Amino acid sequence: MNQIVEIILTSASIITSLGVILGVIFTVNKWILNRKKNDKDIRDIKEEQSILTKGVLACLKGLKEQGCDGPVTFAIDEIQTYLNKQAHR
């Protein structure tokens, strides 16, 4: 009778250990997949922001051609400086 109880307890502890190990593996796998998705989303957002920044720069240059000065010139200089710094990173 004692042997049966020991076998049952040993089997239960092995099953529990396997469950914990598999749980950790699935959690790590899920975290890695989520991280890859986030990295792709960040790349997409950066690309979109780059396009928008270039569009704003084009609009500001158009305003400057029409004779707007002051803040327009300052903004153009700042955006061009920022884009140059980003290009050399």
PDB file of N, CA and C in Angstrom:
ATOM      1  N   MET A   1       0.816  -1.191   0.000  1.00  0.00           N
ATOM      2  CA  MET A   1       0.000   0.000   0.000  1.00  0.00           C
ATOM      3  C   MET A   1       0.867   1.265   0.000  1.00  0.00           C
ATOM      4  N   ASN A   2       1.952   1.212   0.773  1.00  0.00           N
ATOM      5  CA  ASN A   2       2.855   2.349   0.852  1.00  0.00           C
ATOM      6  C   ASN A   2       3.507   2.637  -0.498  1.00  0.00           C
ATOM      7  N   GLN A   3       3.818   1.597  -1.236  1.00  0.00           N
ATOM      8  CA  GLN A   3       4.454   1.770  -2.540  1.00  0.00           C
ATOM      9  C   GLN A   3       3.505   2.448  -3.524  1.00  0.00           C
ATOM     10  N   ILE A   4       2.243   2.108  -3.457  1.00  0.00           N
ATOM     11  CA  ILE A   4       1.260   2.717  -4.357  1.00  0.00           C
ATOM     12  C   ILE A   4       1.153   4.209  -4.074  1.00  0.00           C
ATOM     13  N   VAL A   5       1.132   4.586  -2.810  1.00  0.00           N
ATOM     14  CA  VAL A   5       1.054   5.998  -2.435  1.00  0.00           C
ATOM     15  C   VAL A   5       2.302   6.738  -2.915  1.00  0.00           C
ATOM     16  N   GLU A   6       3.463   6.128  -2.759  1.00  0.00           N
ATOM     17  CA  GLU A   6       4.706   6.752  -3.212  1.00  0.00           C
ATOM     18  C   GLU A   6       4.722   6.918  -4.730  1.00  0.00           C
ATOM     19  N   ILE A   7       4.246   5.914  -5.435  1.00  0.00           N
ATOM     20  CA  ILE A   7       4.188   5.995  -6.901  1.00  0.00           C
ATOM     21  C   ILE A   7       3.247   7.115  -7.326  1.00  0.00           C
ATOM     22  N   ILE A   8       2.107   7.217  -6.671  1.00  0.00           N
ATOM     23  CA  ILE A   8       1.136   8.272  -6.997  1.00  0.00           C
ATOM     24  C   ILE A   8       1.737   9.645  -6.706  1.00  0.00           C
ATOM     25  N   LEU A   9       2.388   9.807  -5.568  1.00  0.00           N
ATOM     26  CA  LEU A   9       3.001  11.094  -5.219  1.00  0.00           C
ATOM     27  C   LEU A   9       4.132  11.453  -6.182  1.00  0.00           C
ATOM     28  N   THR A  10       4.945  10.483  -6.533  1.00  0.00           N
ATOM     29  CA  THR A  10       6.033  10.725  -7.475  1.00  0.00           C
ATOM     30  C   THR A  10       5.479  11.113  -8.844  1.00  0.00           C
ATOM     31  N   SER A  11       4.456  10.400  -9.292  1.00  0.00           N
ATOM     32  CA  SER A  11       3.828  10.713 -10.585  1.00  0.00           C
ATOM     33  C   SER A  11       3.228  12.112 -10.556  1.00  0.00           C
ATOM     34  N   ALA A  12       2.571  12.455  -9.471  1.00  0.00           N
ATOM     35  CA  ALA A  12       1.961  13.781  -9.356  1.00  0.00           C
ATOM     36  C   ALA A  12       3.023  14.876  -9.376  1.00  0.00           C
ATOM     37  N   SER A  13       4.135  14.651  -8.692  1.00  0.00           N
ATOM     38  CA  SER A  13       5.187  15.672  -8.677  1.00  0.00           C
ATOM     39  C   SER A  13       5.844  15.810 -10.050  1.00  0.00           C
ATOM     40  N   ILE A  14       5.999  14.707 -10.770  1.00  0.00           N
ATOM     41  CA  ILE A  14       6.566  14.763 -12.124  1.00  0.00           C
ATOM     42  C   ILE A  14       5.623  15.508 -13.061  1.00  0.00           C
ATOM     43  N   ILE A  15       4.343  15.205 -12.983  1.00  0.00           N
ATOM     44  CA  ILE A  15       3.353  15.878 -13.838  1.00  0.00           C
ATOM     45  C   ILE A  15       3.312  17.370 -13.525  1.00  0.00           C
ATOM     46  N   THR A  16       3.362  17.718 -12.243  1.00  0.00           N
ATOM     47  CA  THR A  16       3.362  19.128 -11.851  1.00  0.00           C
ATOM     48  C   THR A  16       4.616  19.831 -12.364  1.00  0.00           C
ATOM     49  N   SER A  17       5.757  19.184 -12.236  1.00  0.00           N
ATOM     50  CA  SER A  17       7.015  19.771 -12.719  1.00  0.00           C
ATOM     51  C   SER A  17       6.970  20.001 -14.226  1.00  0.00           C
ATOM     52  N   LEU A  18       6.466  19.015 -14.958  1.00  0.00           N
ATOM     53  CA  LEU A  18       6.344  19.174 -16.412  1.00  0.00           C
ATOM     54  C   LEU A  18       5.397  20.318 -16.764  1.00  0.00           C
ATOM     55  N   GLY A  19       4.313  20.432 -16.013  1.00  0.00           N
ATOM     56  CA  GLY A  19       3.368  21.526 -16.250  1.00  0.00           C
ATOM     57  C   GLY A  19       4.005  22.887 -16.032  1.00  0.00           C
ATOM     58  N   VAL A  20       4.787  23.008 -14.976  1.00  0.00           N
ATOM     59  CA  VAL A  20       5.467  24.274 -14.694  1.00  0.00           C
ATOM     60  C   VAL A  20       6.492  24.585 -15.780  1.00  0.00           C
ATOM     61  N   ILE A  21       7.270  23.591 -16.172  1.00  0.00           N
ATOM     62  CA  ILE A  21       8.284  23.798 -17.212  1.00  0.00           C
ATOM     63  C   ILE A  21       7.628  24.209 -18.529  1.00  0.00           C
ATOM     64  N   LEU A  22       6.565  23.517 -18.920  1.00  0.00           N
ATOM     65  CA  LEU A  22       5.866  23.875 -20.158  1.00  0.00           C
ATOM     66  C   LEU A  22       5.250  25.267 -20.057  1.00  0.00           C
ATOM     67  N   GLY A  23       4.731  25.610 -18.890  1.00  0.00           N
ATOM     68  CA  GLY A  23       4.173  26.949 -18.694  1.00  0.00           C
ATOM     69  C   GLY A  23       5.218  28.028 -18.882  1.00  0.00           C
ATOM     70  N   VAL A  24       6.403  27.806 -18.347  1.00  0.00           N
ATOM     71  CA  VAL A  24       7.493  28.772 -18.506  1.00  0.00           C
ATOM     72  C   VAL A  24       7.898  28.876 -19.971  1.00  0.00           C
ATOM     73  N   ILE A  25       8.003  27.746 -20.645  1.00  0.00           N
ATOM     74  CA  ILE A  25       8.383  27.752 -22.065  1.00  0.00           C
ATOM     75  C   ILE A  25       7.356  28.516 -22.895  1.00  0.00           C
ATOM     76  N   PHE A  26       6.076  28.261 -22.672  1.00  0.00           N
ATOM     77  CA  PHE A  26       5.038  28.959 -23.431  1.00  0.00           C
ATOM     78  C   PHE A  26       5.035  30.456 -23.123  1.00  0.00           C
ATOM     79  N   THR A  27       5.271  30.819 -21.866  1.00  0.00           N
ATOM     80  CA  THR A  27       5.301  32.233 -21.497  1.00  0.00           C
ATOM     81  C   THR A  27       6.465  32.953 -22.171  1.00  0.00           C
ATOM     82  N   VAL A  28       7.636  32.338 -22.169  1.00  0.00           N
ATOM     83  CA  VAL A  28       8.805  32.942 -22.815  1.00  0.00           C
ATOM     84  C   VAL A  28       8.575  33.053 -24.319  1.00  0.00           C
ATOM     85  N   ASN A  29       8.009  32.021 -24.923  1.00  0.00           N
ATOM     86  CA  ASN A  29       7.724  32.046 -26.357  1.00  0.00           C
ATOM     87  C   ASN A  29       6.742  33.168 -26.691  1.00  0.00           C
ATOM     88  N   LYS A  30       5.710  33.313 -25.887  1.00  0.00           N
ATOM     89  CA  LYS A  30       4.716  34.367 -26.111  1.00  0.00           C
ATOM     90  C   LYS A  30       5.372  35.740 -25.983  1.00  0.00           C
ATOM     91  N   TRP A  31       6.259  35.898 -24.996  1.00  0.00           N
ATOM     92  CA  TRP A  31       6.952  37.166 -24.801  1.00  0.00           C
ATOM     93  C   TRP A  31       7.830  37.492 -26.009  1.00  0.00           C
ATOM     94  N   ILE A  32       8.537  36.487 -26.535  1.00  0.00           N
ATOM     95  CA  ILE A  32       9.407  36.702 -27.696  1.00  0.00           C
ATOM     96  C   ILE A  32       8.582  37.105 -28.921  1.00  0.00           C
ATOM     97  N   LEU A  33       7.469  36.418 -29.152  1.00  0.00           N
ATOM     98  CA  LEU A  33       6.617  36.759 -30.295  1.00  0.00           C
ATOM     99  C   LEU A  33       6.056  38.171 -30.159  1.00  0.00           C
ATOM    100  N   ASN A  34       5.662  38.540 -28.935  1.00  0.00           N
ATOM    101  CA  ASN A  34       5.132  39.879 -28.698  1.00  0.00           C
ATOM    102  C   ASN A  34       6.218  40.931 -28.923  1.00  0.00           C
ATOM    103  N   ARG A  35       7.423  40.623 -28.521  1.00  0.00           N
ATOM    104  CA  ARG A  35       8.546  41.536 -28.702  1.00  0.00           C
ATOM    105  C   ARG A  35       8.820  41.760 -30.188  1.00  0.00           C
ATOM    106  N   LYS A  36       8.779  40.690 -30.983  1.00  0.00           N
ATOM    107  CA  LYS A  36       8.998  40.815 -32.430  1.00  0.00           C
ATOM    108  C   LYS A  36       7.915  41.677 -33.067  1.00  0.00           C
ATOM    109  N   LYS A  37       6.673  41.487 -32.629  1.00  0.00           N
ATOM    110  CA  LYS A  37       5.565  42.281 -33.160  1.00  0.00           C
ATOM    111  C   LYS A  37       5.756  43.755 -32.806  1.00  0.00           C
ATOM    112  N   ASN A  38       6.161  44.020 -31.569  1.00  0.00           N
ATOM    113  CA  ASN A  38       6.392  45.397 -31.145  1.00  0.00           C
ATOM    114  C   ASN A  38       7.526  46.034 -31.937  1.00  0.00           C
ATOM    115  N   ASP A  39       8.587  45.286 -32.203  1.00  0.00           N
ATOM    116  CA  ASP A  39       9.699  45.811 -32.996  1.00  0.00           C
ATOM    117  C   ASP A  39       9.239  46.187 -34.400  1.00  0.00           C
ATOM    118  N   LYS A  40       8.405  45.353 -35.005  1.00  0.00           N
ATOM    119  CA  LYS A  40       7.880  45.649 -36.337  1.00  0.00           C
ATOM    120  C   LYS A  40       6.991  46.890 -36.293  1.00  0.00           C
ATOM    121  N   ASP A  41       6.140  46.984 -35.267  1.00  0.00           N
ATOM    122  CA  ASP A  41       5.274  48.152 -35.128  1.00  0.00           C
ATOM    123  C   ASP A  41       6.095  49.431 -34.975  1.00  0.00           C
ATOM    124  N   ILE A  42       7.167  49.369 -34.203  1.00  0.00           N
ATOM    125  CA  ILE A  42       8.022  50.540 -34.004  1.00  0.00           C
ATOM    126  C   ILE A  42       8.689  50.945 -35.315  1.00  0.00           C
ATOM    127  N   ARG A  43       9.166  49.967 -36.091  1.00  0.00           N
ATOM    128  CA  ARG A  43       9.768  50.285 -37.397  1.00  0.00           C
ATOM    129  C   ARG A  43       8.746  50.968 -38.305  1.00  0.00           C
ATOM    130  N   ASP A  44       7.520  50.457 -38.311  1.00  0.00           N
ATOM    131  CA  ASP A  44       6.474  51.049 -39.144  1.00  0.00           C
ATOM    132  C   ASP A  44       6.162  52.481 -38.708  1.00  0.00           C
ATOM    133  N   ILE A  45       6.097  52.706 -37.401  1.00  0.00           N
ATOM    134  CA  ILE A  45       5.811  54.043 -36.883  1.00  0.00           C
ATOM    135  C   ILE A  45       6.938  55.006 -37.243  1.00  0.00           C
ATOM    136  N   LYS A  46       8.181  54.556 -37.127  1.00  0.00           N
ATOM    137  CA  LYS A  46       9.319  55.409 -37.476  1.00  0.00           C
ATOM    138  C   LYS A  46       9.292  55.783 -38.954  1.00  0.00           C
ATOM    139  N   GLU A  47       8.948  54.816 -39.794  1.00  0.00           N
ATOM    140  CA  GLU A  47       8.866  55.103 -41.230  1.00  0.00           C
ATOM    141  C   GLU A  47       7.769  56.124 -41.513  1.00  0.00           C
ATOM    142  N   GLU A  48       6.622  55.942 -40.869  1.00  0.00           N
ATOM    143  CA  GLU A  48       5.507  56.874 -41.061  1.00  0.00           C
ATOM    144  C   GLU A  48       5.880  58.274 -40.580  1.00  0.00           C
ATOM    145  N   GLN A  49       6.535  58.371 -39.439  1.00  0.00           N
ATOM    146  CA  GLN A  49       6.938  59.678 -38.922  1.00  0.00           C
ATOM    147  C   GLN A  49       7.962  60.341 -39.838  1.00  0.00           C
ATOM    148  N   SER A  50       8.829  59.555 -40.434  1.00  0.00           N
ATOM    149  CA  SER A  50       9.802  60.106 -41.369  1.00  0.00           C
ATOM    150  C   SER A  50       9.101  60.718 -42.575  1.00  0.00           C
ATOM    151  N   ILE A  51       8.114  60.005 -43.089  1.00  0.00           N
ATOM    152  CA  ILE A  51       7.356  60.513 -44.239  1.00  0.00           C
ATOM    153  C   ILE A  51       6.613  61.791 -43.865  1.00  0.00           C
ATOM    154  N   LEU A  52       5.989  61.796 -42.688  1.00  0.00           N
ATOM    155  CA  LEU A  52       5.252  62.983 -42.245  1.00  0.00           C
ATOM    156  C   LEU A  52       6.189  64.175 -42.036  1.00  0.00           C
ATOM    157  N   THR A  53       7.358  63.927 -41.471  1.00  0.00           N
ATOM    158  CA  THR A  53       8.322  65.008 -41.250  1.00  0.00           C
ATOM    159  C   THR A  53       8.769  65.604 -42.580  1.00  0.00           C
ATOM    160  N   LYS A  54       9.032  64.747 -43.549  1.00  0.00           N
ATOM    161  CA  LYS A  54       9.438  65.245 -44.866  1.00  0.00           C
ATOM    162  C   LYS A  54       8.301  66.018 -45.527  1.00  0.00           C
ATOM    163  N   GLY A  55       7.068  65.591 -45.305  1.00  0.00           N
ATOM    164  CA  GLY A  55       5.918  66.318 -45.843  1.00  0.00           C
ATOM    165  C   GLY A  55       5.774  67.694 -45.218  1.00  0.00           C
ATOM    166  N   VAL A  56       5.956  67.768 -43.898  1.00  0.00           N
ATOM    167  CA  VAL A  56       5.895  69.061 -43.210  1.00  0.00           C
ATOM    168  C   VAL A  56       7.013  69.968 -43.711  1.00  0.00           C
ATOM    169  N   LEU A  57       8.196  69.407 -43.903  1.00  0.00           N
ATOM    170  CA  LEU A  57       9.317  70.189 -44.421  1.00  0.00           C
ATOM    171  C   LEU A  57       8.991  70.741 -45.810  1.00  0.00           C
ATOM    172  N   ALA A  58       8.390  69.923 -46.648  1.00  0.00           N
ATOM    173  CA  ALA A  58       8.007  70.383 -47.989  1.00  0.00           C
ATOM    174  C   ALA A  58       6.986  71.517 -47.900  1.00  0.00           C
ATOM    175  N   CYS A  59       6.023  71.388 -46.995  1.00  0.00           N
ATOM    176  CA  CYS A  59       5.024  72.455 -46.817  1.00  0.00           C
ATOM    177  C   CYS A  59       5.681  73.748 -46.344  1.00  0.00           C
ATOM    178  N   LEU A  60       6.599  73.623 -45.393  1.00  0.00           N
ATOM    179  CA  LEU A  60       7.288  74.814 -44.893  1.00  0.00           C
ATOM    180  C   LEU A  60       8.122  75.471 -45.986  1.00  0.00           C
ATOM    181  N   LYS A  61       8.770  74.657 -46.810  1.00  0.00           N
ATOM    182  CA  LYS A  61       9.549  75.228 -47.914  1.00  0.00           C
ATOM    183  C   LYS A  61       8.633  75.944 -48.908  1.00  0.00           C
ATOM    184  N   GLY A  62       7.447  75.393 -49.119  1.00  0.00           N
ATOM    185  CA  GLY A  62       6.475  76.058 -49.984  1.00  0.00           C
ATOM    186  C   GLY A  62       6.043  77.400 -49.411  1.00  0.00           C
ATOM    187  N   LEU A  63       5.834  77.441 -48.096  1.00  0.00           N
ATOM    188  CA  LEU A  63       5.480  78.711 -47.458  1.00  0.00           C
ATOM    189  C   LEU A  63       6.612  79.722 -47.581  1.00  0.00           C
ATOM    190  N   LYS A  64       7.839  79.242 -47.445  1.00  0.00           N
ATOM    191  CA  LYS A  64       8.986  80.150 -47.552  1.00  0.00           C
ATOM    192  C   LYS A  64       9.085  80.721 -48.962  1.00  0.00           C
ATOM    193  N   GLU A  65       8.795  79.891 -49.965  1.00  0.00           N
ATOM    194  CA  GLU A  65       8.815  80.373 -51.353  1.00  0.00           C
ATOM    195  C   GLU A  65       7.753  81.441 -51.583  1.00  0.00           C
ATOM    196  N   GLN A  66       6.676  81.376 -50.816  1.00  0.00           N
ATOM    197  CA  GLN A  66       5.609  82.367 -50.959  1.00  0.00           C
ATOM    198  C   GLN A  66       5.891  83.635 -50.157  1.00  0.00           C
ATOM    199  N   GLY A  67       7.014  83.655 -49.449  1.00  0.00           N
ATOM    200  CA  GLY A  67       7.409  84.877 -48.766  1.00  0.00           C
ATOM    201  C   GLY A  67       7.280  84.840 -47.255  1.00  0.00           C
ATOM    202  N   CYS A  68       6.860  83.739 -46.683  1.00  0.00           N
ATOM    203  CA  CYS A  68       6.763  83.652 -45.220  1.00  0.00           C
ATOM    204  C   CYS A  68       8.168  83.489 -44.645  1.00  0.00           C
ATOM    205  N   ASP A  69       8.465  84.282 -43.635  1.00  0.00           N
ATOM    206  CA  ASP A  69       9.778  84.217 -43.001  1.00  0.00           C
ATOM    207  C   ASP A  69       9.602  83.985 -41.509  1.00  0.00           C
ATOM    208  N   GLY A  70      10.656  84.228 -40.771  1.00  0.00           N
ATOM    209  CA  GLY A  70      10.597  84.126 -39.313  1.00  0.00           C
ATOM    210  C   GLY A  70      10.489  82.693 -38.842  1.00  0.00           C
ATOM    211  N   PRO A  71       9.343  82.347 -38.233  1.00  0.00           N
ATOM    212  CA  PRO A  71       9.190  81.000 -37.688  1.00  0.00           C
ATOM    213  C   PRO A  71       9.295  79.903 -38.749  1.00  0.00           C
ATOM    214  N   VAL A  72       8.910  80.218 -39.979  1.00  0.00           N
ATOM    215  CA  VAL A  72       8.988  79.224 -41.052  1.00  0.00           C
ATOM    216  C   VAL A  72      10.452  78.863 -41.315  1.00  0.00           C
ATOM    217  N   THR A  73      11.286  79.870 -41.434  1.00  0.00           N
ATOM    218  CA  THR A  73      12.712  79.636 -41.668  1.00  0.00           C
ATOM    219  C   THR A  73      13.335  78.888 -40.495  1.00  0.00           C
ATOM    220  N   PHE A  74      12.969  79.291 -39.281  1.00  0.00           N
ATOM    221  CA  PHE A  74      13.485  78.629 -38.082  1.00  0.00           C
ATOM    222  C   PHE A  74      13.075  77.157 -38.064  1.00  0.00           C
ATOM    223  N   ALA A  75      11.816  76.870 -38.386  1.00  0.00           N
ATOM    224  CA  ALA A  75      11.323  75.486 -38.383  1.00  0.00           C
ATOM    225  C   ALA A  75      12.016  74.654 -39.460  1.00  0.00           C
ATOM    226  N   ILE A  76      12.219  75.247 -40.626  1.00  0.00           N
ATOM    227  CA  ILE A  76      12.921  74.537 -41.707  1.00  0.00           C
ATOM    228  C   ILE A  76      14.330  74.170 -41.258  1.00  0.00           C
ATOM    229  N   ASP A  77      15.020  75.130 -40.665  1.00  0.00           N
ATOM    230  CA  ASP A  77      16.390  74.866 -40.195  1.00  0.00           C
ATOM    231  C   ASP A  77      16.408  73.766 -39.139  1.00  0.00           C
ATOM    232  N   GLU A  78      15.465  73.814 -38.205  1.00  0.00           N
ATOM    233  CA  GLU A  78      15.424  72.793 -37.150  1.00  0.00           C
ATOM    234  C   GLU A  78      15.144  71.401 -37.712  1.00  0.00           C
ATOM    235  N   ILE A  79      14.187  71.313 -38.630  1.00  0.00           N
ATOM    236  CA  ILE A  79      13.857  70.004 -39.209  1.00  0.00           C
ATOM    237  C   ILE A  79      15.034  69.466 -40.017  1.00  0.00           C
ATOM    238  N   GLN A  80      15.678  70.324 -40.802  1.00  0.00           N
ATOM    239  CA  GLN A  80      16.823  69.869 -41.589  1.00  0.00           C
ATOM    240  C   GLN A  80      17.983  69.442 -40.688  1.00  0.00           C
ATOM    241  N   THR A  81      18.203  70.172 -39.606  1.00  0.00           N
ATOM    242  CA  THR A  81      19.248  69.786 -38.654  1.00  0.00           C
ATOM    243  C   THR A  81      18.927  68.431 -38.041  1.00  0.00           C
ATOM    244  N   TYR A  82      17.675  68.256 -37.646  1.00  0.00           N
ATOM    245  CA  TYR A  82      17.254  66.982 -37.052  1.00  0.00           C
ATOM    246  C   TYR A  82      17.431  65.832 -38.043  1.00  0.00           C
ATOM    247  N   LEU A  83      16.989  66.029 -39.281  1.00  0.00           N
ATOM    248  CA  LEU A  83      17.110  64.970 -40.289  1.00  0.00           C
ATOM    249  C   LEU A  83      18.573  64.633 -40.568  1.00  0.00           C
ATOM    250  N   ASN A  84      19.438  65.648 -40.588  1.00  0.00           N
ATOM    251  CA  ASN A  84      20.871  65.389 -40.799  1.00  0.00           C
ATOM    252  C   ASN A  84      21.465  64.599 -39.641  1.00  0.00           C
ATOM    253  N   LYS A  85      21.082  64.943 -38.417  1.00  0.00           N
ATOM    254  CA  LYS A  85      21.581  64.200 -37.254  1.00  0.00           C
ATOM    255  C   LYS A  85      21.111  62.747 -37.302  1.00  0.00           C
ATOM    256  N   GLN A  86      19.867  62.530 -37.683  1.00  0.00           N
ATOM    257  CA  GLN A  86      19.328  61.175 -37.755  1.00  0.00           C
ATOM    258  C   GLN A  86      20.000  60.369 -38.860  1.00  0.00           C
ATOM    259  N   ALA A  87      20.373  61.036 -39.936  1.00  0.00           N
ATOM    260  CA  ALA A  87      21.011  60.331 -41.051  1.00  0.00           C
ATOM    261  C   ALA A  87      22.414  59.852 -40.683  1.00  0.00           C
ATOM    262  N   HIS A  88      23.057  60.535 -39.750  1.00  0.00           N
ATOM    263  CA  HIS A  88      24.433  60.190 -39.386  1.00  0.00           C
ATOM    264  C   HIS A  88      24.519  59.403 -38.089  1.00  0.00           C
ATOM    265  N   ARG A  89      23.423  58.865 -37.618  1.00  0.00           N
ATOM    266  CA  ARG A  89      23.429  58.048 -36.393  1.00  0.00           C
ATOM    267  C   ARG A  89      23.858  56.656 -36.695  1.00  0.00           C
TER     268      ARG A  89
END
